[in-house]
Amino acid sequence: MKKIIVIVFLFAATIFLHYYNHHIIINTSRRCAKLEDYRKVKEQTKNSLLTHNSSLSSRSRIQKLAAEKLNMVACGPNEVINIIKNKKNNTFCLVDYFVPSVEAMNTN
């Protein structure tokens, strides 16, 4: 009698664990699918924002805004410079905004 009870218990436990494992796999798959969709949406949003940022920070747009709003001088097609005069020391600073790292040159 004990052997039959043990065998029935082991059989029931095996079936329960099989279906419980199946349930866990299905839930994990659903969660992974949701995370994948979320990642795709975030990537599309990032690409959209990068495109918008590229259009806002384009060279021609910056040159136009610099000439209109900041009274900067557009020397050539690829340059915008700003001459800042320091009246106190009678010096000026020339800044070129389109070099890879913004460089400033002070002269006396």
Protein backbone atom coordinates (compact mmCIF):
# COMPACT_ATOMS: atom_id res chain seq x y z
CA MET A 1 0.00 0.00 0.00
CA LYS A 2 2.85 2.41 0.85
CA LYS A 3 4.47 1.74 -2.52
CA ILE A 4 1.26 2.63 -4.36
CA ILE A 5 0.88 5.86 -2.37
CA VAL A 6 4.52 6.80 -3.06
CA ILE A 7 4.14 6.00 -6.78
CA VAL A 8 0.89 8.01 -7.03
CA PHE A 9 2.50 10.91 -5.15
CA LEU A 10 5.57 10.87 -7.41
CA PHE A 11 3.37 10.66 -10.51
CA ALA A 12 1.22 13.61 -9.30
CA ALA A 13 4.31 15.62 -8.37
CA THR A 14 5.85 14.94 -11.79
CA ILE A 15 2.71 16.10 -13.59
CA PHE A 16 2.41 19.17 -11.36
CA LEU A 17 6.06 20.15 -11.88
CA HIS A 18 5.76 19.59 -15.63
CA TYR A 19 2.78 21.94 -15.96
CA TYR A 20 4.26 24.44 -13.50
CA ASN A 21 7.46 24.53 -15.56
CA HIS A 22 5.38 24.98 -18.73
CA HIS A 23 3.52 27.87 -17.07
CA ILE A 24 6.81 29.55 -16.05
CA ILE A 25 8.20 29.19 -19.60
CA ILE A 26 5.07 30.75 -21.13
CA ASN A 27 5.12 33.69 -18.69
CA THR A 28 8.83 34.27 -19.30
CA SER A 29 8.29 34.17 -23.07
CA ARG A 30 5.48 36.74 -22.80
CA ARG A 31 7.63 38.98 -20.63
CA CYS A 32 10.53 38.70 -23.11
CA ALA A 33 8.19 39.61 -25.99
CA LYS A 34 6.97 42.67 -24.09
CA LEU A 35 10.54 43.72 -23.34
CA GLU A 36 11.50 43.27 -26.99
CA ASP A 37 8.57 45.46 -28.09
CA TYR A 38 9.55 48.06 -25.49
CA ARG A 39 13.16 48.01 -26.73
CA LYS A 40 12.02 48.47 -30.35
CA VAL A 41 9.85 51.44 -29.39
CA LYS A 42 12.73 53.00 -27.45
CA GLU A 43 15.09 52.46 -30.39
CA GLN A 44 12.63 54.05 -32.82
CA THR A 45 12.20 57.01 -30.46
CA LYS A 46 15.99 57.35 -30.15
CA ASN A 47 16.43 57.28 -33.93
CA SER A 48 13.69 59.87 -34.35
CA LEU A 49 15.29 62.15 -31.77
CA LEU A 50 18.74 61.71 -33.33
CA THR A 51 17.33 62.68 -36.74
CA HIS A 52 15.62 65.71 -35.25
CA ASN A 53 18.79 66.67 -33.36
CA SER A 54 20.86 66.35 -36.53
CA SER A 55 18.51 68.68 -38.39
CA LEU A 56 18.58 71.18 -35.52
CA SER A 57 22.35 71.15 -35.23
CA SER A 58 23.14 71.27 -38.92
CA ARG A 59 25.88 73.63 -40.01
CA SER A 60 23.66 75.82 -42.17
CA ARG A 61 21.06 76.21 -39.40
CA ILE A 62 23.73 77.17 -36.85
CA GLN A 63 25.31 79.65 -39.27
CA LYS A 64 21.93 81.24 -39.98
CA LEU A 65 21.02 81.52 -36.29
CA ALA A 66 24.49 82.77 -35.37
CA ALA A 67 24.33 85.52 -37.98
CA GLU A 68 20.75 86.53 -37.12
CA LYS A 69 20.58 86.21 -33.36
CA LEU A 70 24.15 86.61 -32.14
CA ASN A 71 25.52 89.05 -34.75
CA MET A 72 28.37 86.71 -35.62
CA VAL A 73 30.33 86.96 -38.82
CA ALA A 74 30.03 84.23 -41.46
CA CYS A 75 33.44 84.27 -43.16
CA GLY A 76 33.04 81.36 -45.51
CA PRO A 77 30.72 78.50 -46.26
CA ASN A 78 32.10 76.41 -43.41
CA GLU A 79 33.02 78.98 -40.78
CA VAL A 80 31.28 81.13 -38.25
CA ILE A 81 33.44 83.25 -36.02
CA ASN A 82 32.69 85.56 -33.18
CA ILE A 83 34.93 88.42 -32.21
CA ILE A 84 34.51 89.39 -28.57
CA LYS A 85 36.17 92.62 -27.62
CA ASN A 86 37.19 93.19 -24.04
CA LYS A 87 37.12 96.95 -23.55
CA LYS A 88 38.79 96.78 -20.16
CA ASN A 89 42.02 95.11 -21.37
CA ASN A 90 41.73 96.21 -25.01
CA THR A 91 42.01 92.57 -26.16
CA PHE A 92 39.80 90.36 -28.28
CA CYS A 93 39.01 86.68 -28.51
CA LEU A 94 38.39 84.95 -31.84
CA VAL A 95 36.33 81.76 -31.59
CA ASP A 96 35.77 79.33 -34.47
CA TYR A 97 32.68 77.18 -33.77
CA PHE A 98 33.16 74.55 -36.46
CA VAL A 99 36.38 72.85 -35.52
CA PRO A 100 36.18 69.42 -33.87
CA SER A 101 37.08 70.95 -30.53
CA VAL A 102 36.16 74.57 -30.07
CA GLU A 103 39.35 76.59 -30.03
CA ALA A 104 39.82 80.12 -28.83
CA MET A 105 42.73 82.40 -29.52
CA ASN A 106 43.42 85.36 -27.26
CA THR A 107 45.56 88.17 -28.56
CA ASN A 108 46.75 91.33 -26.92
